[in-house]
Amino acid sequence: MTNEEKLYNSGVLTEKRPGAILPPRELWEKKKNGLVIIECPQEIPCNPCYSSCPTGAILPFEKIIHTPKIDYSKCIGCALCVASCPGLACFVVDLTYGSEEEALMKLPYELLPVPEKGEEVDCLSRIGEIVAKGKVVEVTEPRKDRTKVVHVVVPRELVDDIRAIRVVK
């Protein structure tokens, strides 16, 4: 089975590919507020991330079915794309947050119950496995459309593995 077939059958992104590339490390470690990562695995007609970006960091699409490309020098970590993406494929990682062991992830969240500031949550991998515990430091609703962006402090070494959270009540 090819990786495309695995993605189609499971919905799980299994490998690095265009649209799922980490930012350049030297810029990423210095950029306050973080940088967007977009794991858009399939070419489909969609561009809310581009149309919501206030700085032009998400570049114009040559064709609307192309996966997004990012000019990381323009990204301000605002997370408007995170709240705009219908596929929950955008998130922001801030490596300048906290200590050398911590990072801040800004993740989309559309479930109930909504986590609260100070709450501990399970941090999940792409396939839904618990990989760490995280602490919620803020919950925003940038577009005022019920899509929350949850700011979670996570172990820095796991930012390439964590893709979602689960509230444990």
Protein backbone atom coordinates (compact mmCIF):
# COMPACT_ATOMS: atom_id res chain seq x y z
CA MET A 1 0.00 0.00 0.00
CA THR A 2 1.41 3.41 -0.95
CA ASN A 3 1.60 6.32 1.49
CA GLU A 4 -1.18 8.07 -0.49
CA GLU A 5 -3.42 5.01 -0.05
CA LYS A 6 -2.61 4.89 3.68
CA LEU A 7 -3.52 8.57 4.01
CA TYR A 8 -6.74 8.12 2.05
CA ASN A 9 -7.79 5.05 4.05
CA SER A 10 -6.78 6.24 7.52
CA GLY A 11 -6.69 10.03 7.40
CA VAL A 12 -3.32 9.91 9.18
CA LEU A 13 -0.36 11.84 7.80
CA THR A 14 2.43 9.25 7.84
CA GLU A 15 5.44 11.07 6.43
CA LYS A 16 6.96 14.48 5.82
CA ARG A 17 5.76 15.98 2.55
CA PRO A 18 5.20 19.39 0.96
CA GLY A 19 2.77 21.22 3.22
CA ALA A 20 4.10 19.38 6.30
CA ILE A 21 7.58 20.83 6.61
CA LEU A 22 9.00 22.30 9.82
CA PRO A 23 10.26 25.91 9.70
CA PRO A 24 13.99 26.61 9.41
CA ARG A 25 15.37 25.92 12.90
CA GLU A 26 17.58 29.04 13.08
CA LEU A 27 14.57 31.33 12.46
CA TRP A 28 12.17 29.22 14.50
CA GLU A 29 14.25 29.41 17.67
CA LYS A 30 14.35 33.24 17.55
CA LYS A 31 10.83 34.16 16.38
CA LYS A 32 8.69 35.42 19.28
CA ASN A 33 5.04 34.25 19.12
CA GLY A 34 6.08 31.25 17.03
CA LEU A 35 5.73 30.16 13.44
CA VAL A 36 2.94 28.39 11.62
CA ILE A 37 3.22 24.79 10.53
CA ILE A 38 0.70 23.58 7.99
CA GLU A 39 0.22 19.85 7.53
CA CYS A 40 -2.05 19.95 4.53
CA PRO A 41 -1.70 16.44 3.15
CA GLN A 42 -3.84 16.52 0.03
CA GLU A 43 -4.33 18.84 -2.89
CA ILE A 44 -7.93 20.00 -2.56
CA PRO A 45 -9.61 23.29 -3.49
CA CYS A 46 -9.11 25.24 -0.27
CA ASN A 47 -7.38 28.48 0.72
CA PRO A 48 -8.76 29.94 4.00
CA CYS A 49 -5.25 29.89 5.49
CA TYR A 50 -4.04 32.18 2.70
CA SER A 51 -7.03 34.52 2.78
CA SER A 52 -6.87 34.87 6.59
CA CYS A 53 -3.14 35.62 6.84
CA PRO A 54 -2.73 39.34 7.67
CA THR A 55 0.99 39.50 6.79
CA GLY A 56 1.17 37.52 3.55
CA ALA A 57 3.24 34.77 5.19
CA ILE A 58 1.09 32.16 3.48
CA LEU A 59 1.94 32.69 -0.15
CA PRO A 60 -0.59 33.00 -2.98
CA PHE A 61 -1.51 29.65 -4.46
CA GLU A 62 -0.53 29.03 -8.07
CA LYS A 63 -3.66 26.84 -8.26
CA ILE A 64 -6.27 26.63 -5.51
CA ILE A 65 -5.67 22.88 -5.17
CA HIS A 66 -1.99 23.30 -4.26
CA THR A 67 -0.79 22.84 -0.71
CA PRO A 68 0.26 26.04 1.09
CA LYS A 69 3.76 27.47 1.00
CA ILE A 70 4.99 29.75 3.78
CA ASP A 71 7.36 32.72 3.91
CA TYR A 72 8.45 32.22 7.52
CA SER A 73 10.11 35.63 7.66
CA LYS A 74 6.62 37.20 7.47
CA CYS A 75 4.84 34.91 9.97
CA ILE A 76 3.94 36.59 13.28
CA GLY A 77 2.36 33.55 14.95
CA CYS A 78 -1.06 35.21 15.17
CA ALA A 79 -2.91 31.89 14.67
CA LEU A 80 -5.63 33.34 12.41
CA CYS A 81 -4.85 30.57 9.94
CA VAL A 82 -5.20 28.03 12.77
CA ALA A 83 -8.75 29.21 13.43
CA SER A 84 -9.56 29.45 9.69
CA CYS A 85 -8.45 26.03 8.46
CA PRO A 86 -11.46 23.72 8.02
CA GLY A 87 -9.14 20.69 8.02
CA LEU A 88 -7.48 21.60 11.36
CA ALA A 89 -4.15 21.36 9.52
CA CYS A 90 -2.59 24.62 10.78
CA PHE A 91 -0.96 25.21 14.15
CA VAL A 92 1.69 27.51 15.58
CA VAL A 93 4.77 26.47 17.56
CA ASP A 94 6.67 29.01 19.69
CA LEU A 95 10.12 27.72 20.66
CA THR A 96 10.94 31.00 22.45
CA TYR A 97 8.30 30.38 25.13
CA GLY A 98 9.33 29.42 28.65
CA SER A 99 12.45 27.39 29.25
CA GLU A 100 14.76 25.26 27.12
CA GLU A 101 12.51 22.27 27.91
CA GLU A 102 9.19 23.92 26.96
CA ALA A 103 7.46 25.22 23.87
CA LEU A 104 4.05 26.77 23.30
CA MET A 105 1.71 25.22 20.74
CA LYS A 106 -1.38 27.02 19.43
CA LEU A 107 -3.75 24.26 18.36
CA PRO A 108 -7.25 24.32 16.83
CA TYR A 109 -9.99 22.91 19.04
CA GLU A 110 -13.64 22.36 18.08
CA LEU A 111 -14.87 19.95 20.77
CA LEU A 112 -16.63 20.15 24.12
CA PRO A 113 -15.73 20.61 26.84
CA VAL A 114 -13.52 23.57 26.05
CA PRO A 115 -10.34 23.45 28.12
CA GLU A 116 -9.75 26.18 30.67
CA LYS A 117 -6.66 28.21 31.49
CA GLY A 118 -4.45 26.29 33.93
CA GLU A 119 -5.96 22.91 33.03
CA GLU A 120 -3.77 19.89 32.29
CA VAL A 121 -4.59 18.16 28.98
CA ASP A 122 -3.41 15.08 27.14
CA CYS A 123 -1.22 15.91 24.13
CA LEU A 124 -1.90 13.56 21.24
CA SER A 125 0.12 12.35 18.27
CA ARG A 126 -1.16 12.29 14.68
CA ILE A 127 -2.76 8.92 15.37
CA GLY A 128 -4.36 9.94 18.66
CA GLU A 129 -1.88 8.37 21.07
CA ILE A 130 -1.05 10.25 24.28
CA VAL A 131 2.56 11.41 24.02
CA ALA A 132 2.70 13.98 26.84
CA LYS A 133 0.78 16.15 29.26
CA GLY A 134 0.40 19.84 28.52
CA LYS A 135 -0.82 22.89 30.41
CA VAL A 136 -3.35 25.30 28.90
CA VAL A 137 -2.20 28.90 29.25
CA GLU A 138 -4.82 30.59 27.06
CA VAL A 139 -7.92 29.84 24.98
CA THR A 140 -8.82 32.29 22.22
CA GLU A 141 -11.49 32.53 19.54
CA PRO A 142 -9.79 34.73 16.91
CA ARG A 143 -12.59 34.59 14.32
CA LYS A 144 -15.52 34.65 16.78
CA ASP A 145 -16.95 31.55 15.07
CA ARG A 146 -16.67 28.99 17.90
CA THR A 147 -13.35 27.60 16.65
CA LYS A 148 -11.04 27.87 19.61
CA VAL A 149 -7.27 28.13 19.51
CA VAL A 150 -5.82 26.53 22.61
CA HIS A 151 -2.36 27.67 23.72
CA VAL A 152 -0.66 24.73 25.42
CA VAL A 153 2.77 24.46 27.03
CA VAL A 154 4.32 21.18 25.90
CA PRO A 155 7.70 19.43 26.08
CA ARG A 156 9.88 21.15 23.49
CA GLU A 157 11.31 17.91 22.10
CA LEU A 158 7.80 16.70 21.16
CA VAL A 159 6.59 19.63 19.02
CA ASP A 160 7.02 17.55 15.86
CA ASP A 161 4.87 14.78 17.37
CA ILE A 162 2.01 16.64 19.13
CA ARG A 163 -0.91 17.54 16.86
CA ALA A 164 -3.98 17.71 19.12
CA ILE A 165 -5.14 17.78 22.72
CA ARG A 166 -7.75 15.95 24.71
CA VAL A 167 -9.47 17.41 27.74
CA VAL A 168 -9.48 15.05 30.68
CA LYS A 169 -12.31 15.82 33.10
